[in-house]
């Protein structure tokens, strides 16, 4: 998940994990929910222009672009 986020400037979504890693929607959703709720590693963006719902990982975000 962190590798995908880093490739996309900090953003990750269920569809990106499904397309790039071959994960099922349930697996992608569970991984992102754990990062958000249990671990507190990302922010939820429910108004993302590209995916509708995405997650932002601050440690993987590119601040200089």
Protein backbone atom coordinates (compact mmCIF):
# COMPACT_ATOMS: atom_id res chain seq x y z
CA UNK A 1 0.00 0.00 0.00
CA UNK A 2 2.79 2.40 0.87
CA UNK A 3 4.57 1.69 -2.42
CA UNK A 4 1.42 2.54 -4.39
CA UNK A 5 0.95 5.71 -2.35
CA UNK A 6 4.54 6.74 -2.97
CA UNK A 7 4.19 6.16 -6.74
CA UNK A 8 1.08 8.39 -6.82
CA UNK A 9 2.40 11.27 -4.72
CA UNK A 10 0.79 10.08 -1.50
CA UNK A 11 -2.63 9.06 -2.83
CA UNK A 12 -3.92 5.49 -2.80
CA UNK A 13 -7.34 4.04 -3.56
CA UNK A 14 -9.09 0.70 -3.64
CA UNK A 15 -9.11 0.69 -7.44
CA UNK A 16 -5.36 1.42 -7.62
CA UNK A 17 -4.61 -1.51 -5.32
CA UNK A 18 -6.91 -3.77 -7.28
CA UNK A 19 -5.42 -2.80 -10.65
CA UNK A 20 -1.74 -2.74 -9.70
CA UNK A 21 -1.58 -5.53 -7.13
CA UNK A 22 -4.41 -7.76 -8.27
CA UNK A 23 -6.14 -7.55 -4.92
CA UNK A 24 -9.85 -8.14 -4.44
CA UNK A 25 -11.97 -5.18 -3.42
CA UNK A 26 -12.45 -6.68 0.05
CA UNK A 27 -8.70 -7.04 0.58
CA UNK A 28 -7.99 -3.50 -0.62
CA UNK A 29 -10.79 -2.08 1.52
CA UNK A 30 -9.59 -3.97 4.62
CA UNK A 31 -5.99 -2.83 4.15
CA UNK A 32 -7.00 0.80 3.77
CA UNK A 33 -9.42 0.64 6.69
CA UNK A 34 -6.67 -0.76 8.91
CA UNK A 35 -4.28 2.00 7.84
CA UNK A 36 -6.90 4.66 8.52
CA UNK A 37 -8.71 3.43 11.61
CA UNK A 38 -6.32 1.13 13.44
CA UNK A 39 -2.91 2.53 12.54
CA UNK A 40 -3.73 6.18 11.79
CA UNK A 41 -1.28 6.24 8.87
CA UNK A 42 -3.48 8.01 6.34
CA UNK A 43 -6.18 10.60 5.79
CA UNK A 44 -9.53 9.84 4.17
CA UNK A 45 -10.53 12.01 1.21
CA UNK A 46 -14.19 11.44 0.32
CA UNK A 47 -14.19 14.12 -2.41
CA UNK A 48 -11.25 13.03 -4.50
CA UNK A 49 -11.59 14.27 -8.09
CA UNK A 50 -10.00 11.16 -9.62
CA UNK A 51 -11.25 8.22 -7.53
CA UNK A 52 -14.20 9.60 -5.57
CA UNK A 53 -12.75 8.18 -2.34
CA UNK A 54 -9.03 8.01 -1.76
CA UNK A 55 -6.57 7.84 1.09
CA UNK A 56 -3.58 10.12 1.54
CA UNK A 57 -0.44 8.89 3.26
CA UNK A 58 1.43 11.94 4.61
CA UNK A 59 4.77 10.12 4.79
CA UNK A 60 4.54 9.36 1.05
CA UNK A 61 3.25 12.77 -0.09
CA UNK A 62 5.34 14.96 -2.38
CA UNK A 63 5.25 18.46 -0.96
CA UNK A 64 7.44 20.13 -3.59
CA UNK A 65 5.16 19.59 -6.61
